[in-house]
Amino acid sequence: MAVLKKLALVFVLLVAVLAVVGMLLPGKAHVERSAVIDAPRATIFAQLNGFKNFKKWSPWAAKDPNARYTYD
């Protein structure tokens, strides 16, 4: 029985510590990325303007080559 009480106490303390740490963390996070593409704006716009070219530039298309895309 004493072992179970100790385990329960450790668990309660762990939950309490995690709750306190969670309250101390900031409420918001900001992540920003940028990339420089060496191409004319018109070329980039033509690629991104519609979904017909989605499979050419999407990183998800490479992860699932058997995916099917339909356009309505």
N, C-alpha and C. Protein backbone atom coordinates (compact mmCIF):
# COMPACT_ATOMS: atom_id res chain seq x y z
N MET A 1 0.81 -1.21 0.00
CA MET A 1 0.00 0.00 0.00
C MET A 1 0.85 1.27 0.00
N ALA A 2 1.96 1.22 0.69
CA ALA A 2 2.80 2.40 0.78
C ALA A 2 3.38 2.76 -0.58
N VAL A 3 3.64 1.77 -1.40
CA VAL A 3 4.19 2.01 -2.73
C VAL A 3 3.16 2.74 -3.58
N LEU A 4 1.90 2.33 -3.49
CA LEU A 4 0.84 2.99 -4.26
C LEU A 4 0.65 4.44 -3.82
N LYS A 5 0.76 4.68 -2.54
CA LYS A 5 0.62 6.05 -2.03
C LYS A 5 1.76 6.93 -2.54
N LYS A 6 2.95 6.38 -2.55
CA LYS A 6 4.10 7.13 -3.05
C LYS A 6 3.96 7.42 -4.55
N LEU A 7 3.51 6.43 -5.31
CA LEU A 7 3.29 6.64 -6.74
C LEU A 7 2.21 7.68 -6.99
N ALA A 8 1.15 7.63 -6.22
CA ALA A 8 0.07 8.61 -6.36
C ALA A 8 0.58 10.00 -6.03
N LEU A 9 1.39 10.12 -4.98
CA LEU A 9 1.95 11.41 -4.60
C LEU A 9 2.88 11.94 -5.68
N VAL A 10 3.72 11.10 -6.24
CA VAL A 10 4.61 11.51 -7.33
C VAL A 10 3.79 11.97 -8.53
N PHE A 11 2.74 11.24 -8.84
CA PHE A 11 1.88 11.61 -9.97
C PHE A 11 1.22 12.96 -9.73
N VAL A 12 0.68 13.18 -8.55
CA VAL A 12 0.02 14.46 -8.22
C VAL A 12 1.04 15.60 -8.28
N LEU A 13 2.22 15.38 -7.77
CA LEU A 13 3.25 16.42 -7.82
C LEU A 13 3.66 16.72 -9.26
N LEU A 14 3.79 15.68 -10.07
CA LEU A 14 4.15 15.87 -11.47
C LEU A 14 3.08 16.68 -12.19
N VAL A 15 1.82 16.35 -11.96
CA VAL A 15 0.73 17.10 -12.58
C VAL A 15 0.74 18.55 -12.11
N ALA A 16 0.99 18.77 -10.83
CA ALA A 16 1.03 20.13 -10.29
C ALA A 16 2.18 20.93 -10.91
N VAL A 17 3.34 20.33 -11.03
CA VAL A 17 4.49 21.01 -11.63
C VAL A 17 4.20 21.35 -13.09
N LEU A 18 3.63 20.41 -13.83
CA LEU A 18 3.29 20.68 -15.23
C LEU A 18 2.25 21.80 -15.34
N ALA A 19 1.29 21.84 -14.44
CA ALA A 19 0.29 22.90 -14.47
C ALA A 19 0.93 24.26 -14.19
N VAL A 20 1.83 24.33 -13.24
CA VAL A 20 2.50 25.60 -12.91
C VAL A 20 3.38 26.05 -14.08
N VAL A 21 4.11 25.12 -14.66
CA VAL A 21 4.96 25.46 -15.81
C VAL A 21 4.09 25.94 -16.97
N GLY A 22 2.96 25.29 -17.19
CA GLY A 22 2.04 25.70 -18.25
C GLY A 22 1.51 27.10 -18.04
N MET A 23 1.28 27.50 -16.80
CA MET A 23 0.80 28.85 -16.52
C MET A 23 1.89 29.90 -16.72
N LEU A 24 3.14 29.51 -16.58
CA LEU A 24 4.24 30.45 -16.72
C LEU A 24 4.65 30.68 -18.18
N LEU A 25 4.23 29.79 -19.07
CA LEU A 25 4.58 29.95 -20.48
C LEU A 25 3.80 31.10 -21.09
N PRO A 26 4.35 31.73 -22.13
CA PRO A 26 3.63 32.83 -22.77
C PRO A 26 2.34 32.34 -23.43
N GLY A 27 1.35 33.23 -23.50
CA GLY A 27 0.06 32.89 -24.07
C GLY A 27 0.04 32.88 -25.58
N LYS A 28 1.00 33.54 -26.19
CA LYS A 28 1.04 33.62 -27.65
C LYS A 28 2.43 33.24 -28.15
N ALA A 29 2.46 32.75 -29.37
CA ALA A 29 3.73 32.44 -30.03
C ALA A 29 3.66 32.99 -31.45
N HIS A 30 4.78 33.45 -31.96
CA HIS A 30 4.82 34.02 -33.31
C HIS A 30 5.96 33.34 -34.06
N VAL A 31 5.63 32.76 -35.20
CA VAL A 31 6.63 32.12 -36.05
C VAL A 31 6.50 32.75 -37.44
N GLU A 32 7.62 33.11 -38.01
CA GLU A 32 7.61 33.75 -39.32
C GLU A 32 8.72 33.17 -40.17
N ARG A 33 8.40 32.91 -41.43
CA ARG A 33 9.41 32.40 -42.37
C ARG A 33 9.33 33.23 -43.64
N SER A 34 10.42 33.26 -44.33
CA SER A 34 10.43 33.94 -45.63
C SER A 34 11.37 33.18 -46.56
N ALA A 35 11.13 33.35 -47.83
CA ALA A 35 11.97 32.73 -48.85
C ALA A 35 12.09 33.68 -50.02
N VAL A 36 13.25 33.72 -50.63
CA VAL A 36 13.46 34.54 -51.81
C VAL A 36 13.42 33.61 -53.02
N ILE A 37 12.52 33.89 -53.93
CA ILE A 37 12.37 33.08 -55.14
C ILE A 37 12.90 33.89 -56.31
N ASP A 38 13.89 33.34 -56.97
CA ASP A 38 14.53 34.05 -58.06
C ASP A 38 13.77 33.79 -59.37
N ALA A 39 12.62 34.44 -59.50
CA ALA A 39 11.79 34.31 -60.70
C ALA A 39 10.94 35.57 -60.82
N PRO A 40 10.51 35.88 -62.02
CA PRO A 40 9.64 37.05 -62.19
C PRO A 40 8.31 36.85 -61.47
N ARG A 41 7.71 37.95 -61.03
CA ARG A 41 6.43 37.88 -60.32
C ARG A 41 5.35 37.22 -61.16
N ALA A 42 5.34 37.48 -62.45
CA ALA A 42 4.32 36.91 -63.32
C ALA A 42 4.40 35.38 -63.35
N THR A 43 5.60 34.84 -63.33
CA THR A 43 5.79 33.39 -63.33
C THR A 43 5.28 32.77 -62.03
N ILE A 44 5.60 33.40 -60.93
CA ILE A 44 5.15 32.90 -59.63
C ILE A 44 3.63 32.99 -59.53
N PHE A 45 3.07 34.11 -59.98
CA PHE A 45 1.62 34.27 -59.93
C PHE A 45 0.92 33.22 -60.78
N ALA A 46 1.47 32.92 -61.93
CA ALA A 46 0.86 31.91 -62.80
C ALA A 46 0.86 30.53 -62.14
N GLN A 47 1.88 30.23 -61.35
CA GLN A 47 1.95 28.94 -60.67
C GLN A 47 0.97 28.86 -59.50
N LEU A 48 0.81 29.95 -58.77
CA LEU A 48 0.02 29.92 -57.55
C LEU A 48 -1.42 30.41 -57.75
N ASN A 49 -1.76 30.91 -58.90
CA ASN A 49 -3.06 31.53 -59.12
C ASN A 49 -4.21 30.53 -59.07
N GLY A 50 -4.02 29.32 -59.52
CA GLY A 50 -5.10 28.34 -59.53
C GLY A 50 -4.64 27.02 -58.96
N PHE A 51 -5.59 26.12 -58.75
CA PHE A 51 -5.26 24.83 -58.18
C PHE A 51 -4.76 23.82 -59.20
N LYS A 52 -4.78 24.16 -60.47
CA LYS A 52 -4.34 23.22 -61.50
C LYS A 52 -2.85 22.88 -61.35
N ASN A 53 -2.04 23.81 -60.87
CA ASN A 53 -0.60 23.59 -60.70
C ASN A 53 -0.23 23.17 -59.28
N PHE A 54 -1.23 22.92 -58.45
CA PHE A 54 -0.98 22.61 -57.04
C PHE A 54 -0.04 21.42 -56.86
N LYS A 55 -0.24 20.40 -57.67
CA LYS A 55 0.56 19.18 -57.52
C LYS A 55 2.04 19.43 -57.86
N LYS A 56 2.32 20.42 -58.68
CA LYS A 56 3.71 20.70 -59.08
C LYS A 56 4.53 21.31 -57.95
N TRP A 57 3.90 22.14 -57.11
CA TRP A 57 4.67 22.86 -56.10
C TRP A 57 4.36 22.46 -54.66
N SER A 58 3.32 21.68 -54.44
CA SER A 58 2.93 21.33 -53.08
C SER A 58 3.87 20.30 -52.47
N PRO A 59 4.38 20.53 -51.27
CA PRO A 59 5.20 19.52 -50.62
C PRO A 59 4.39 18.28 -50.25
N TRP A 60 3.08 18.42 -50.11
CA TRP A 60 2.23 17.28 -49.77
C TRP A 60 2.07 16.33 -50.94
N ALA A 61 2.14 16.84 -52.14
CA ALA A 61 2.00 15.97 -53.32
C ALA A 61 3.16 14.98 -53.39
N ALA A 62 4.34 15.39 -53.00
CA ALA A 62 5.49 14.49 -53.02
C ALA A 62 5.38 13.42 -51.94
N LYS A 63 4.71 13.74 -50.85
CA LYS A 63 4.57 12.77 -49.76
C LYS A 63 3.56 11.68 -50.08
N ASP A 64 2.58 12.00 -50.92
CA ASP A 64 1.57 11.00 -51.30
C ASP A 64 1.39 11.04 -52.81
N PRO A 65 2.25 10.33 -53.55
CA PRO A 65 2.17 10.38 -55.01
C PRO A 65 0.89 9.75 -55.57
N ASN A 66 0.18 8.96 -54.78
CA ASN A 66 -1.06 8.33 -55.23
C ASN A 66 -2.30 9.19 -54.97
N ALA A 67 -2.11 10.37 -54.43
CA ALA A 67 -3.25 11.25 -54.15
C ALA A 67 -3.89 11.70 -55.46
N ARG A 68 -5.21 11.81 -55.43
CA ARG A 68 -5.94 12.27 -56.62
C ARG A 68 -6.50 13.65 -56.33
N TYR A 69 -6.42 14.51 -57.31
CA TYR A 69 -6.93 15.87 -57.19
C TYR A 69 -8.03 16.05 -58.22
N THR A 70 -9.17 16.57 -57.78
CA THR A 70 -10.27 16.85 -58.70
C THR A 70 -10.61 18.33 -58.62
N TYR A 71 -11.05 18.87 -59.72
CA TYR A 71 -11.38 20.29 -59.82
C TYR A 71 -12.81 20.42 -60.30
N ASP A 72 -13.60 21.22 -59.61
CA ASP A 72 -14.99 21.46 -60.01
C ASP A 72 -15.19 22.89 -60.43
